[in-house]
């Protein structure tokens, strides 16, 4: 997580959904924990057998976004 970017994340105070594919080859899912620490009101969902394009790969991820936004 870029240090310049990280210093602004704490300003996001609304509930946030972080979604990650467990098989992401672009940004490994271990980075999700860094995002969680930087976003105090975040929930992390990791999707097994999904890569970087989790919304394209897992229909249940799309449903989770809809549920989170409701």
Protein backbone atom coordinates (compact mmCIF):
# COMPACT_ATOMS: atom_id res chain seq x y z
CA UNK A 1 0.00 0.00 0.00
CA UNK A 2 1.55 3.25 -1.16
CA UNK A 3 2.49 5.50 1.79
CA UNK A 4 1.16 8.63 0.10
CA UNK A 5 -2.16 6.92 -0.53
CA UNK A 6 -2.33 5.40 2.95
CA UNK A 7 -2.22 8.76 4.69
CA UNK A 8 -5.57 9.69 3.14
CA UNK A 9 -7.47 6.46 3.77
CA UNK A 10 -8.23 7.25 7.42
CA UNK A 11 -10.50 10.05 6.16
CA UNK A 12 -12.96 7.48 4.85
CA UNK A 13 -15.33 7.00 7.75
CA UNK A 14 -18.31 5.30 6.12
CA UNK A 15 -18.68 1.51 6.12
CA UNK A 16 -16.48 0.10 3.37
CA UNK A 17 -16.44 -3.29 1.70
CA UNK A 18 -13.03 -4.61 0.65
CA UNK A 19 -13.28 -7.55 -1.73
CA UNK A 20 -10.31 -9.66 -2.73
CA UNK A 21 -9.74 -12.76 -4.80
CA UNK A 22 -7.65 -15.30 -2.91
CA UNK A 23 -5.82 -16.17 -6.13
CA UNK A 24 -5.08 -12.55 -7.13
CA UNK A 25 -1.75 -12.50 -9.00
CA UNK A 26 -1.69 -8.70 -9.39
CA UNK A 27 -2.05 -7.74 -5.72
CA UNK A 28 -1.86 -10.72 -3.33
CA UNK A 29 -4.78 -11.08 -0.93
CA UNK A 30 -2.45 -10.57 2.04
CA UNK A 31 -2.64 -6.86 1.17
CA UNK A 32 -6.30 -6.87 2.19
CA UNK A 33 -5.22 -6.74 5.83
CA UNK A 34 -3.20 -3.58 5.15
CA UNK A 35 -6.30 -1.98 3.63
CA UNK A 36 -8.38 -3.11 6.61
CA UNK A 37 -6.00 -1.46 9.04
CA UNK A 38 -6.00 1.75 6.98
CA UNK A 39 -9.82 1.86 6.70
CA UNK A 40 -11.23 1.76 10.22
CA UNK A 41 -14.81 0.93 9.19
CA UNK A 42 -14.00 -1.70 6.57
CA UNK A 43 -15.18 -5.26 6.19
CA UNK A 44 -12.96 -7.65 4.22
CA UNK A 45 -14.35 -10.47 2.08
CA UNK A 46 -11.89 -12.82 0.40
CA UNK A 47 -13.23 -15.03 -2.40
CA UNK A 48 -11.68 -18.47 -2.88
CA UNK A 49 -10.85 -19.45 -6.48
CA UNK A 50 -11.04 -15.83 -7.68
CA UNK A 51 -8.29 -13.62 -9.02
CA UNK A 52 -7.90 -9.87 -9.49
CA UNK A 53 -11.26 -9.46 -11.26
CA UNK A 54 -13.34 -10.86 -8.42
CA UNK A 55 -16.54 -9.10 -9.57
CA UNK A 56 -16.26 -10.77 -12.97
CA UNK A 57 -15.34 -14.14 -11.53
CA UNK A 58 -17.74 -14.52 -8.62
CA UNK A 59 -21.44 -13.64 -8.99
CA UNK A 60 -21.78 -13.79 -5.22
CA UNK A 61 -19.33 -10.87 -4.99
CA UNK A 62 -21.70 -8.76 -7.08
CA UNK A 63 -24.54 -9.73 -4.75
CA UNK A 64 -22.40 -8.75 -1.76
CA UNK A 65 -21.84 -5.28 -3.24
CA UNK A 66 -25.59 -4.86 -3.73
CA UNK A 67 -26.28 -6.00 -0.17
CA UNK A 68 -23.59 -3.68 1.22
CA UNK A 69 -25.00 -0.71 -0.68
CA UNK A 70 -28.59 -1.39 0.45
